[in-house]
């Protein structure tokens, strides 16, 4: 529902509709399920600045790693198959940081 409203905001922004008018039209169309006025204004500003999508851009920095049962099973299997394996090798084989292993 929110993505749909973002598309509407993008369209109305392209039509040079004022933020107040956009707010009125979205409230009329979606009622209580509409995004907040502040969110609409931020969205409109981003589209006016040239953004085509409201999806977050990839960010630089450390990638988040999630420890899952599948990852644990892979590590356990590798350790049981070769007890002399070192952490660096495990990290490379399961494609995670050494600190995660």
PDB file of N, CA and C in Angstrom:
ATOM      1  N   UNK A   1       0.829  -1.191   0.000  1.00  0.00           N
ATOM      2  CA  UNK A   1       0.000   0.000   0.000  1.00  0.00           C
ATOM      3  C   UNK A   1       0.874   1.255   0.000  1.00  0.00           C
ATOM      4  N   UNK A   2       1.963   1.235   0.763  1.00  0.00           N
ATOM      5  CA  UNK A   2       2.827   2.407   0.842  1.00  0.00           C
ATOM      6  C   UNK A   2       3.508   2.662  -0.504  1.00  0.00           C
ATOM      7  N   UNK A   3       3.948   1.586  -1.171  1.00  0.00           N
ATOM      8  CA  UNK A   3       4.591   1.747  -2.477  1.00  0.00           C
ATOM      9  C   UNK A   3       3.622   2.372  -3.474  1.00  0.00           C
ATOM     10  N   UNK A   4       2.375   1.970  -3.404  1.00  0.00           N
ATOM     11  CA  UNK A   4       1.357   2.535  -4.285  1.00  0.00           C
ATOM     12  C   UNK A   4       1.215   4.040  -4.034  1.00  0.00           C
ATOM     13  N   UNK A   5       1.204   4.425  -2.769  1.00  0.00           N
ATOM     14  CA  UNK A   5       1.085   5.839  -2.429  1.00  0.00           C
ATOM     15  C   UNK A   5       2.320   6.618  -2.898  1.00  0.00           C
ATOM     16  N   UNK A   6       3.503   5.999  -2.823  1.00  0.00           N
ATOM     17  CA  UNK A   6       4.717   6.647  -3.307  1.00  0.00           C
ATOM     18  C   UNK A   6       4.625   6.879  -4.811  1.00  0.00           C
ATOM     19  N   UNK A   7       4.044   5.921  -5.532  1.00  0.00           N
ATOM     20  CA  UNK A   7       3.866   6.104  -6.974  1.00  0.00           C
ATOM     21  C   UNK A   7       2.933   7.272  -7.261  1.00  0.00           C
ATOM     22  N   UNK A   8       1.867   7.379  -6.471  1.00  0.00           N
ATOM     23  CA  UNK A   8       0.930   8.487  -6.636  1.00  0.00           C
ATOM     24  C   UNK A   8       1.629   9.815  -6.356  1.00  0.00           C
ATOM     25  N   UNK A   9       2.424   9.856  -5.291  1.00  0.00           N
ATOM     26  CA  UNK A   9       3.159  11.074  -4.944  1.00  0.00           C
ATOM     27  C   UNK A   9       4.121  11.438  -6.066  1.00  0.00           C
ATOM     28  N   UNK A  10       4.794  10.432  -6.615  1.00  0.00           N
ATOM     29  CA  UNK A  10       5.720  10.689  -7.719  1.00  0.00           C
ATOM     30  C   UNK A  10       4.988  11.271  -8.928  1.00  0.00           C
ATOM     31  N   UNK A  11       3.828  10.707  -9.246  1.00  0.00           N
ATOM     32  CA  UNK A  11       3.036  11.201 -10.371  1.00  0.00           C
ATOM     33  C   UNK A  11       2.571  12.641 -10.134  1.00  0.00           C
ATOM     34  N   UNK A  12       2.019  12.891  -8.953  1.00  0.00           N
ATOM     35  CA  UNK A  12       1.518  14.229  -8.648  1.00  0.00           C
ATOM     36  C   UNK A  12       2.650  15.252  -8.574  1.00  0.00           C
ATOM     37  N   UNK A  13       3.834  14.818  -8.126  1.00  0.00           N
ATOM     38  CA  UNK A  13       4.995  15.694  -8.102  1.00  0.00           C
ATOM     39  C   UNK A  13       5.390  16.070  -9.529  1.00  0.00           C
ATOM     40  N   UNK A  14       5.348  15.097 -10.428  1.00  0.00           N
ATOM     41  CA  UNK A  14       5.667  15.370 -11.832  1.00  0.00           C
ATOM     42  C   UNK A  14       4.659  16.339 -12.443  1.00  0.00           C
ATOM     43  N   UNK A  15       3.439  16.356 -11.914  1.00  0.00           N
ATOM     44  CA  UNK A  15       2.399  17.278 -12.386  1.00  0.00           C
ATOM     45  C   UNK A  15       2.487  18.644 -11.697  1.00  0.00           C
ATOM     46  N   UNK A  16       3.518  18.842 -10.860  1.00  0.00           N
ATOM     47  CA  UNK A  16       3.738  20.083 -10.104  1.00  0.00           C
ATOM     48  C   UNK A  16       2.570  20.434  -9.172  1.00  0.00           C
ATOM     49  N   UNK A  17       2.004  19.426  -8.533  1.00  0.00           N
ATOM     50  CA  UNK A  17       0.945  19.625  -7.548  1.00  0.00           C
ATOM     51  C   UNK A  17       1.618  19.991  -6.223  1.00  0.00           C
ATOM     52  N   UNK A  18       1.040  20.920  -5.478  1.00  0.00           N
ATOM     53  CA  UNK A  18       1.628  21.361  -4.209  1.00  0.00           C
ATOM     54  C   UNK A  18       1.540  20.259  -3.160  1.00  0.00           C
ATOM     55  N   UNK A  19       2.424  20.289  -2.164  1.00  0.00           N
ATOM     56  CA  UNK A  19       2.376  19.277  -1.107  1.00  0.00           C
ATOM     57  C   UNK A  19       1.020  19.225  -0.390  1.00  0.00           C
ATOM     58  N   UNK A  20       0.416  20.369  -0.149  1.00  0.00           N
ATOM     59  CA  UNK A  20      -0.888  20.394   0.530  1.00  0.00           C
ATOM     60  C   UNK A  20      -1.951  19.713  -0.317  1.00  0.00           C
ATOM     61  N   UNK A  21      -1.921  19.952  -1.621  1.00  0.00           N
ATOM     62  CA  UNK A  21      -2.894  19.328  -2.510  1.00  0.00           C
ATOM     63  C   UNK A  21      -2.657  17.822  -2.609  1.00  0.00           C
ATOM     64  N   UNK A  22      -1.383  17.421  -2.625  1.00  0.00           N
ATOM     65  CA  UNK A  22      -1.058  15.989  -2.641  1.00  0.00           C
ATOM     66  C   UNK A  22      -1.608  15.331  -1.380  1.00  0.00           C
ATOM     67  N   UNK A  23      -1.398  15.984  -0.246  1.00  0.00           N
ATOM     68  CA  UNK A  23      -1.892  15.447   1.025  1.00  0.00           C
ATOM     69  C   UNK A  23      -3.416  15.269   0.980  1.00  0.00           C
ATOM     70  N   UNK A  24      -4.131  16.296   0.529  1.00  0.00           N
ATOM     71  CA  UNK A  24      -5.593  16.218   0.464  1.00  0.00           C
ATOM     72  C   UNK A  24      -6.055  15.089  -0.440  1.00  0.00           C
ATOM     73  N   UNK A  25      -5.415  14.945  -1.588  1.00  0.00           N
ATOM     74  CA  UNK A  25      -5.830  13.906  -2.533  1.00  0.00           C
ATOM     75  C   UNK A  25      -5.557  12.508  -2.000  1.00  0.00           C
ATOM     76  N   UNK A  26      -4.422  12.325  -1.336  1.00  0.00           N
ATOM     77  CA  UNK A  26      -4.093  10.997  -0.809  1.00  0.00           C
ATOM     78  C   UNK A  26      -4.992  10.645   0.369  1.00  0.00           C
ATOM     79  N   UNK A  27      -5.268  11.611   1.240  1.00  0.00           N
ATOM     80  CA  UNK A  27      -6.177  11.358   2.365  1.00  0.00           C
ATOM     81  C   UNK A  27      -7.566  11.008   1.842  1.00  0.00           C
ATOM     82  N   UNK A  28      -8.015  11.692   0.797  1.00  0.00           N
ATOM     83  CA  UNK A  28      -9.319  11.401   0.211  1.00  0.00           C
ATOM     84  C   UNK A  28      -9.350   9.992  -0.375  1.00  0.00           C
ATOM     85  N   UNK A  29      -8.280   9.609  -1.040  1.00  0.00           N
ATOM     86  CA  UNK A  29      -8.242   8.303  -1.695  1.00  0.00           C
ATOM     87  C   UNK A  29      -8.008   7.146  -0.723  1.00  0.00           C
ATOM     88  N   UNK A  30      -7.114   7.324   0.262  1.00  0.00           N
ATOM     89  CA  UNK A  30      -6.708   6.210   1.121  1.00  0.00           C
ATOM     90  C   UNK A  30      -7.243   6.290   2.544  1.00  0.00           C
ATOM     91  N   UNK A  31      -7.791   7.404   2.932  1.00  0.00           N
ATOM     92  CA  UNK A  31      -8.346   7.543   4.277  1.00  0.00           C
ATOM     93  C   UNK A  31      -7.290   7.412   5.348  1.00  0.00           C
ATOM     94  N   UNK A  32      -7.582   6.646   6.379  1.00  0.00           N
ATOM     95  CA  UNK A  32      -6.671   6.493   7.522  1.00  0.00           C
ATOM     96  C   UNK A  32      -5.435   5.664   7.188  1.00  0.00           C
ATOM     97  N   UNK A  33      -5.457   4.941   6.075  1.00  0.00           N
ATOM     98  CA  UNK A  33      -4.328   4.094   5.693  1.00  0.00           C
ATOM     99  C   UNK A  33      -3.245   4.840   4.938  1.00  0.00           C
ATOM    100  N   UNK A  34      -3.319   6.167   4.882  1.00  0.00           N
ATOM    101  CA  UNK A  34      -2.324   6.912   4.106  1.00  0.00           C
ATOM    102  C   UNK A  34      -1.079   7.193   4.943  1.00  0.00           C
ATOM    103  N   UNK A  35       0.016   7.439   4.238  1.00  0.00           N
ATOM    104  CA  UNK A  35       1.270   7.776   4.919  1.00  0.00           C
ATOM    105  C   UNK A  35       1.147   9.164   5.524  1.00  0.00           C
ATOM    106  N   UNK A  36       2.009   9.465   6.487  1.00  0.00           N
ATOM    107  CA  UNK A  36       1.927  10.751   7.179  1.00  0.00           C
ATOM    108  C   UNK A  36       2.276  11.908   6.247  1.00  0.00           C
ATOM    109  N   UNK A  37       1.868  13.099   6.629  1.00  0.00           N
ATOM    110  CA  UNK A  37       2.144  14.294   5.833  1.00  0.00           C
ATOM    111  C   UNK A  37       3.649  14.516   5.726  1.00  0.00           C
ATOM    112  N   UNK A  38       4.369  14.298   6.818  1.00  0.00           N
ATOM    113  CA  UNK A  38       5.821  14.468   6.814  1.00  0.00           C
ATOM    114  C   UNK A  38       6.460  13.499   5.825  1.00  0.00           C
ATOM    115  N   UNK A  39       5.990  12.268   5.811  1.00  0.00           N
ATOM    116  CA  UNK A  39       6.517  11.267   4.891  1.00  0.00           C
ATOM    117  C   UNK A  39       6.226  11.652   3.443  1.00  0.00           C
ATOM    118  N   UNK A  40       5.046  12.184   3.193  1.00  0.00           N
ATOM    119  CA  UNK A  40       4.695  12.624   1.838  1.00  0.00           C
ATOM    120  C   UNK A  40       5.611  13.752   1.386  1.00  0.00           C
ATOM    121  N   UNK A  41       5.893  14.696   2.283  1.00  0.00           N
ATOM    122  CA  UNK A  41       6.758  15.819   1.924  1.00  0.00           C
ATOM    123  C   UNK A  41       8.191  15.357   1.648  1.00  0.00           C
ATOM    124  N   UNK A  42       8.693  14.427   2.454  1.00  0.00           N
ATOM    125  CA  UNK A  42      10.034  13.884   2.219  1.00  0.00           C
ATOM    126  C   UNK A  42      10.086  13.153   0.880  1.00  0.00           C
ATOM    127  N   UNK A  43       9.071  12.364   0.632  1.00  0.00           N
ATOM    128  CA  UNK A  43       8.992  11.601  -0.609  1.00  0.00           C
ATOM    129  C   UNK A  43       8.966  12.546  -1.804  1.00  0.00           C
ATOM    130  N   UNK A  44       8.163  13.588  -1.721  1.00  0.00           N
ATOM    131  CA  UNK A  44       8.045  14.569  -2.811  1.00  0.00           C
ATOM    132  C   UNK A  44       9.388  15.262  -3.051  1.00  0.00           C
ATOM    133  N   UNK A  45      10.074  15.630  -1.959  1.00  0.00           N
ATOM    134  CA  UNK A  45      11.370  16.288  -2.092  1.00  0.00           C
ATOM    135  C   UNK A  45      12.388  15.372  -2.770  1.00  0.00           C
ATOM    136  N   UNK A  46      12.359  14.098  -2.426  1.00  0.00           N
ATOM    137  CA  UNK A  46      13.292  13.158  -3.048  1.00  0.00           C
ATOM    138  C   UNK A  46      13.006  12.989  -4.528  1.00  0.00           C
ATOM    139  N   UNK A  47      11.739  12.915  -4.903  1.00  0.00           N
ATOM    140  CA  UNK A  47      11.400  12.785  -6.315  1.00  0.00           C
ATOM    141  C   UNK A  47      11.755  14.047  -7.088  1.00  0.00           C
ATOM    142  N   UNK A  48      11.563  15.215  -6.465  1.00  0.00           N
ATOM    143  CA  UNK A  48      11.918  16.476  -7.138  1.00  0.00           C
ATOM    144  C   UNK A  48      13.435  16.573  -7.328  1.00  0.00           C
ATOM    145  N   UNK A  49      14.190  15.924  -6.436  1.00  0.00           N
ATOM    146  CA  UNK A  49      15.653  15.936  -6.532  1.00  0.00           C
ATOM    147  C   UNK A  49      16.162  14.949  -7.575  1.00  0.00           C
ATOM    148  N   UNK A  50      15.254  14.179  -8.176  1.00  0.00           N
ATOM    149  CA  UNK A  50      15.659  13.281  -9.252  1.00  0.00           C
ATOM    150  C   UNK A  50      15.607  11.806  -8.939  1.00  0.00           C
ATOM    151  N   UNK A  51      15.194  11.433  -7.741  1.00  0.00           N
ATOM    152  CA  UNK A  51      15.087  10.011  -7.423  1.00  0.00           C
ATOM    153  C   UNK A  51      13.980   9.390  -8.244  1.00  0.00           C
ATOM    154  N   UNK A  52      14.201   8.182  -8.705  1.00  0.00           N
ATOM    155  CA  UNK A  52      13.188   7.459  -9.468  1.00  0.00           C
ATOM    156  C   UNK A  52      12.450   6.446  -8.603  1.00  0.00           C
ATOM    157  N   UNK A  53      13.070   6.078  -7.514  1.00  0.00           N
ATOM    158  CA  UNK A  53      12.512   5.036  -6.659  1.00  0.00           C
ATOM    159  C   UNK A  53      12.631   5.468  -5.209  1.00  0.00           C
ATOM    160  N   UNK A  54      11.803   4.907  -4.372  1.00  0.00           N
ATOM    161  CA  UNK A  54      11.861   5.210  -2.949  1.00  0.00           C
ATOM    162  C   UNK A  54      12.577   4.105  -2.188  1.00  0.00           C
ATOM    163  N   UNK A  55      13.086   3.111  -2.894  1.00  0.00           N
ATOM    164  CA  UNK A  55      13.814   2.000  -2.291  1.00  0.00           C
ATOM    165  C   UNK A  55      15.183   2.499  -1.866  1.00  0.00           C
ATOM    166  N   UNK A  56      15.669   2.058  -0.710  1.00  0.00           N
ATOM    167  CA  UNK A  56      16.974   2.481  -0.211  1.00  0.00           C
ATOM    168  C   UNK A  56      18.088   2.063  -1.164  1.00  0.00           C
ATOM    169  N   UNK A  57      19.057   2.931  -1.328  1.00  0.00           N
ATOM    170  CA  UNK A  57      20.223   2.630  -2.130  1.00  0.00           C
ATOM    171  C   UNK A  57      21.165   1.740  -1.326  1.00  0.00           C
ATOM    172  N   UNK A  58      21.976   0.922  -2.013  1.00  0.00           N
ATOM    173  CA  UNK A  58      22.966   0.128  -1.280  1.00  0.00           C
ATOM    174  C   UNK A  58      23.936   1.051  -0.554  1.00  0.00           C
ATOM    175  N   UNK A  59      24.328   0.681   0.623  1.00  0.00           N
ATOM    176  CA  UNK A  59      25.214   1.506   1.432  1.00  0.00           C
ATOM    177  C   UNK A  59      26.583   0.859   1.532  1.00  0.00           C
ATOM    178  N   UNK A  60      27.596   1.702   1.648  1.00  0.00           N
ATOM    179  CA  UNK A  60      28.941   1.176   1.825  1.00  0.00           C
ATOM    180  C   UNK A  60      29.130   0.810   3.291  1.00  0.00           C
ATOM    181  N   UNK A  61      30.138   0.049   3.548  1.00  0.00           N
ATOM    182  CA  UNK A  61      30.412  -0.332   4.927  1.00  0.00           C
ATOM    183  C   UNK A  61      30.345  -1.823   5.115  1.00  0.00           C
ATOM    184  N   UNK A  62      30.331  -2.212   6.349  1.00  0.00           N
ATOM    185  CA  UNK A  62      30.344  -3.621   6.680  1.00  0.00           C
ATOM    186  C   UNK A  62      28.998  -4.263   6.367  1.00  0.00           C
ATOM    187  N   UNK A  63      29.050  -5.410   5.725  1.00  0.00           N
ATOM    188  CA  UNK A  63      27.850  -6.140   5.378  1.00  0.00           C
ATOM    189  C   UNK A  63      27.355  -6.895   6.611  1.00  0.00           C
ATOM    190  N   UNK A  64      26.066  -6.837   6.846  1.00  0.00           N
ATOM    191  CA  UNK A  64      25.504  -7.589   7.964  1.00  0.00           C
ATOM    192  C   UNK A  64      25.460  -9.064   7.616  1.00  0.00           C
ATOM    193  N   UNK A  65      25.892  -9.893   8.540  1.00  0.00           N
ATOM    194  CA  UNK A  65      25.865 -11.333   8.350  1.00  0.00           C
ATOM    195  C   UNK A  65      24.882 -11.926   9.344  1.00  0.00           C
ATOM    196  N   UNK A  66      24.036 -12.763   8.859  1.00  0.00           N
ATOM    197  CA  UNK A  66      23.048 -13.399   9.715  1.00  0.00           C
ATOM    198  C   UNK A  66      23.484 -14.826   9.964  1.00  0.00           C
ATOM    199  N   UNK A  67      23.528 -15.215  11.226  1.00  0.00           N
ATOM    200  CA  UNK A  67      23.866 -16.583  11.572  1.00  0.00           C
ATOM    201  C   UNK A  67      22.596 -17.414  11.500  1.00  0.00           C
ATOM    202  N   UNK A  68      22.564 -18.331  10.572  1.00  0.00           N
ATOM    203  CA  UNK A  68      21.387 -19.164  10.379  1.00  0.00           C
ATOM    204  C   UNK A  68      21.705 -20.612  10.690  1.00  0.00           C
ATOM    205  N   UNK A  69      20.680 -21.403  10.791  1.00  0.00           N
ATOM    206  CA  UNK A  69      20.867 -22.835  11.033  1.00  0.00           C
ATOM    207  C   UNK A  69      21.637 -23.465   9.875  1.00  0.00           C
ATOM    208  N   UNK A  70      21.396 -22.983   8.660  1.00  0.00           N
ATOM    209  CA  UNK A  70      22.091 -23.502   7.485  1.00  0.00           C
ATOM    210  C   UNK A  70      23.589 -23.228   7.578  1.00  0.00           C
ATOM    211  N   UNK A  71      23.957 -22.025   8.003  1.00  0.00           N
ATOM    212  CA  UNK A  71      25.365 -21.672   8.158  1.00  0.00           C
ATOM    213  C   UNK A  71      26.022 -22.532   9.237  1.00  0.00           C
ATOM    214  N   UNK A  72      25.327 -22.717  10.330  1.00  0.00           N
ATOM    215  CA  UNK A  72      25.861 -23.557  11.417  1.00  0.00           C
ATOM    216  C   UNK A  72      26.060 -24.989  10.940  1.00  0.00           C
ATOM    217  N   UNK A  73      25.092 -25.513  10.198  1.00  0.00           N
ATOM    218  CA  UNK A  73      25.212 -26.882   9.668  1.00  0.00           C
ATOM    219  C   UNK A  73      26.407 -27.018   8.732  1.00  0.00           C
ATOM    220  N   UNK A  74      26.652 -26.000   7.900  1.00  0.00           N
ATOM    221  CA  UNK A  74      27.806 -26.043   6.993  1.00  0.00           C
ATOM    222  C   UNK A  74      29.107 -26.078   7.770  1.00  0.00           C
ATOM    223  N   UNK A  75      29.215 -25.247   8.801  1.00  0.00           N
ATOM    224  CA  UNK A  75      30.441 -25.195   9.597  1.00  0.00           C
ATOM    225  C   UNK A  75      30.655 -26.516  10.334  1.00  0.00           C
ATOM    226  N   UNK A  76      29.604 -27.033  10.919  1.00  0.00           N
ATOM    227  CA  UNK A  76      29.710 -28.310  11.634  1.00  0.00           C
ATOM    228  C   UNK A  76      30.156 -29.416  10.683  1.00  0.00           C
ATOM    229  N   UNK A  77      29.572 -29.455   9.487  1.00  0.00           N
ATOM    230  CA  UNK A  77      29.936 -30.474   8.501  1.00  0.00           C
ATOM    231  C   UNK A  77      31.410 -30.348   8.114  1.00  0.00           C
ATOM    232  N   UNK A  78      31.871 -29.109   7.868  1.00  0.00           N
ATOM    233  CA  UNK A  78      33.262 -28.898   7.475  1.00  0.00           C
ATOM    234  C   UNK A  78      34.233 -29.291   8.588  1.00  0.00           C
ATOM    235  N   UNK A  79      33.887 -28.978   9.828  1.00  0.00           N
ATOM    236  CA  UNK A  79      34.755 -29.331  10.957  1.00  0.00           C
ATOM    237  C   UNK A  79      34.794 -30.845  11.147  1.00  0.00           C
ATOM    238  N   UNK A  80      33.659 -31.495  11.012  1.00  0.00           N
ATOM    239  CA  UNK A  80      33.629 -32.962  11.180  1.00  0.00           C
ATOM    240  C   UNK A  80      34.348 -33.675  10.044  1.00  0.00           C
ATOM    241  N   UNK A  81      34.339 -33.090   8.864  1.00  0.00           N
ATOM    242  CA  UNK A  81      35.017 -33.744   7.744  1.00  0.00           C
ATOM    243  C   UNK A  81      36.529 -33.524   7.789  1.00  0.00           C
ATOM    244  N   UNK A  82      36.981 -32.442   8.417  1.00  0.00           N
ATOM    245  CA  UNK A  82      38.414 -32.167   8.537  1.00  0.00           C
ATOM    246  C   UNK A  82      38.644 -31.414   9.839  1.00  0.00           C
ATOM    247  N   UNK A  83      39.047 -32.132  10.874  1.00  0.00           N
ATOM    248  CA  UNK A  83      39.211 -31.520  12.193  1.00  0.00           C
ATOM    249  C   UNK A  83      40.401 -30.565  12.265  1.00  0.00           C
ATOM    250  N   UNK A  84      41.269 -30.594  11.260  1.00  0.00           N
ATOM    251  CA  UNK A  84      42.426 -29.704  11.265  1.00  0.00           C
ATOM    252  C   UNK A  84      42.150 -28.399  10.525  1.00  0.00           C
ATOM    253  N   UNK A  85      40.930 -28.166  10.116  1.00  0.00           N
ATOM    254  CA  UNK A  85      40.597 -26.956   9.373  1.00  0.00           C
ATOM    255  C   UNK A  85      40.749 -25.742  10.289  1.00  0.00           C
ATOM    256  N   UNK A  86      41.255 -24.654   9.732  1.00  0.00           N
ATOM    257  CA  UNK A  86      41.444 -23.446  10.529  1.00  0.00           C
ATOM    258  C   UNK A  86      40.311 -22.459  10.261  1.00  0.00           C
ATOM    259  N   UNK A  87      40.164 -21.493  11.160  1.00  0.00           N
ATOM    260  CA  UNK A  87      39.057 -20.537  11.056  1.00  0.00           C
ATOM    261  C   UNK A  87      39.039 -19.789   9.730  1.00  0.00           C
ATOM    262  N   UNK A  88      40.206 -19.382   9.269  1.00  0.00           N
ATOM    263  CA  UNK A  88      40.251 -18.649   8.004  1.00  0.00           C
ATOM    264  C   UNK A  88      39.703 -19.480   6.856  1.00  0.00           C
ATOM    265  N   UNK A  89      40.041 -20.754   6.839  1.00  0.00           N
ATOM    266  CA  UNK A  89      39.546 -21.642   5.779  1.00  0.00           C
ATOM    267  C   UNK A  89      38.031 -21.812   5.886  1.00  0.00           C
ATOM    268  N   UNK A  90      37.538 -21.956   7.122  1.00  0.00           N
ATOM    269  CA  UNK A  90      36.091 -22.072   7.313  1.00  0.00           C
ATOM    270  C   UNK A  90      35.380 -20.816   6.828  1.00  0.00           C
ATOM    271  N   UNK A  91      35.938 -19.676   7.167  1.00  0.00           N
ATOM    272  CA  UNK A  91      35.326 -18.404   6.764  1.00  0.00           C
ATOM    273  C   UNK A  91      35.259 -18.290   5.244  1.00  0.00           C
ATOM    274  N   UNK A  92      36.317 -18.698   4.570  1.00  0.00           N
ATOM    275  CA  UNK A  92      36.334 -18.627   3.107  1.00  0.00           C
ATOM    276  C   UNK A  92      35.323 -19.601   2.518  1.00  0.00           C
ATOM    277  N   UNK A  93      35.267 -20.805   3.063  1.00  0.00           N
ATOM    278  CA  UNK A  93      34.373 -21.839   2.506  1.00  0.00           C
ATOM    279  C   UNK A  93      32.891 -21.511   2.682  1.00  0.00           C
ATOM    280  N   UNK A  94      32.533 -20.854   3.784  1.00  0.00           N
ATOM    281  CA  UNK A  94      31.117 -20.525   4.001  1.00  0.00           C
ATOM    282  C   UNK A  94      30.823 -19.066   3.678  1.00  0.00           C
ATOM    283  N   UNK A  95      31.852 -18.331   3.201  1.00  0.00           N
ATOM    284  CA  UNK A  95      31.706 -16.946   2.737  1.00  0.00           C
ATOM    285  C   UNK A  95      31.201 -16.006   3.819  1.00  0.00           C
ATOM    286  N   UNK A  96      31.896 -16.013   4.971  1.00  0.00           N
ATOM    287  CA  UNK A  96      31.602 -15.075   6.067  1.00  0.00           C
ATOM    288  C   UNK A  96      32.922 -14.568   6.640  1.00  0.00           C
ATOM    289  N   UNK A  97      32.847 -13.589   7.527  1.00  0.00           N
ATOM    290  CA  UNK A  97      34.052 -13.082   8.187  1.00  0.00           C
ATOM    291  C   UNK A  97      34.541 -14.091   9.222  1.00  0.00           C
ATOM    292  N   UNK A  98      35.821 -14.010   9.532  1.00  0.00           N
ATOM    293  CA  UNK A  98      36.406 -14.926  10.515  1.00  0.00           C
ATOM    294  C   UNK A  98      35.719 -14.769  11.866  1.00  0.00           C
ATOM    295  N   UNK A  99      35.366 -13.559  12.230  1.00  0.00           N
ATOM    296  CA  UNK A  99      34.705 -13.321  13.505  1.00  0.00           C
ATOM    297  C   UNK A  99      33.333 -13.965  13.605  1.00  0.00           C
ATOM    298  N   UNK A 100      32.698 -14.203  12.469  1.00  0.00           N
ATOM    299  CA  UNK A 100      31.382 -14.841  12.470  1.00  0.00           C
ATOM    300  C   UNK A 100      31.487 -16.333  12.730  1.00  0.00           C
ATOM    301  N   UNK A 101      32.585 -16.945  12.238  1.00  0.00           N
ATOM    302  CA  UNK A 101      32.785 -18.371  12.440  1.00  0.00           C
ATOM    303  C   UNK A 101      33.064 -18.618  13.887  1.00  0.00           C
TER     304      UNK A 101
END
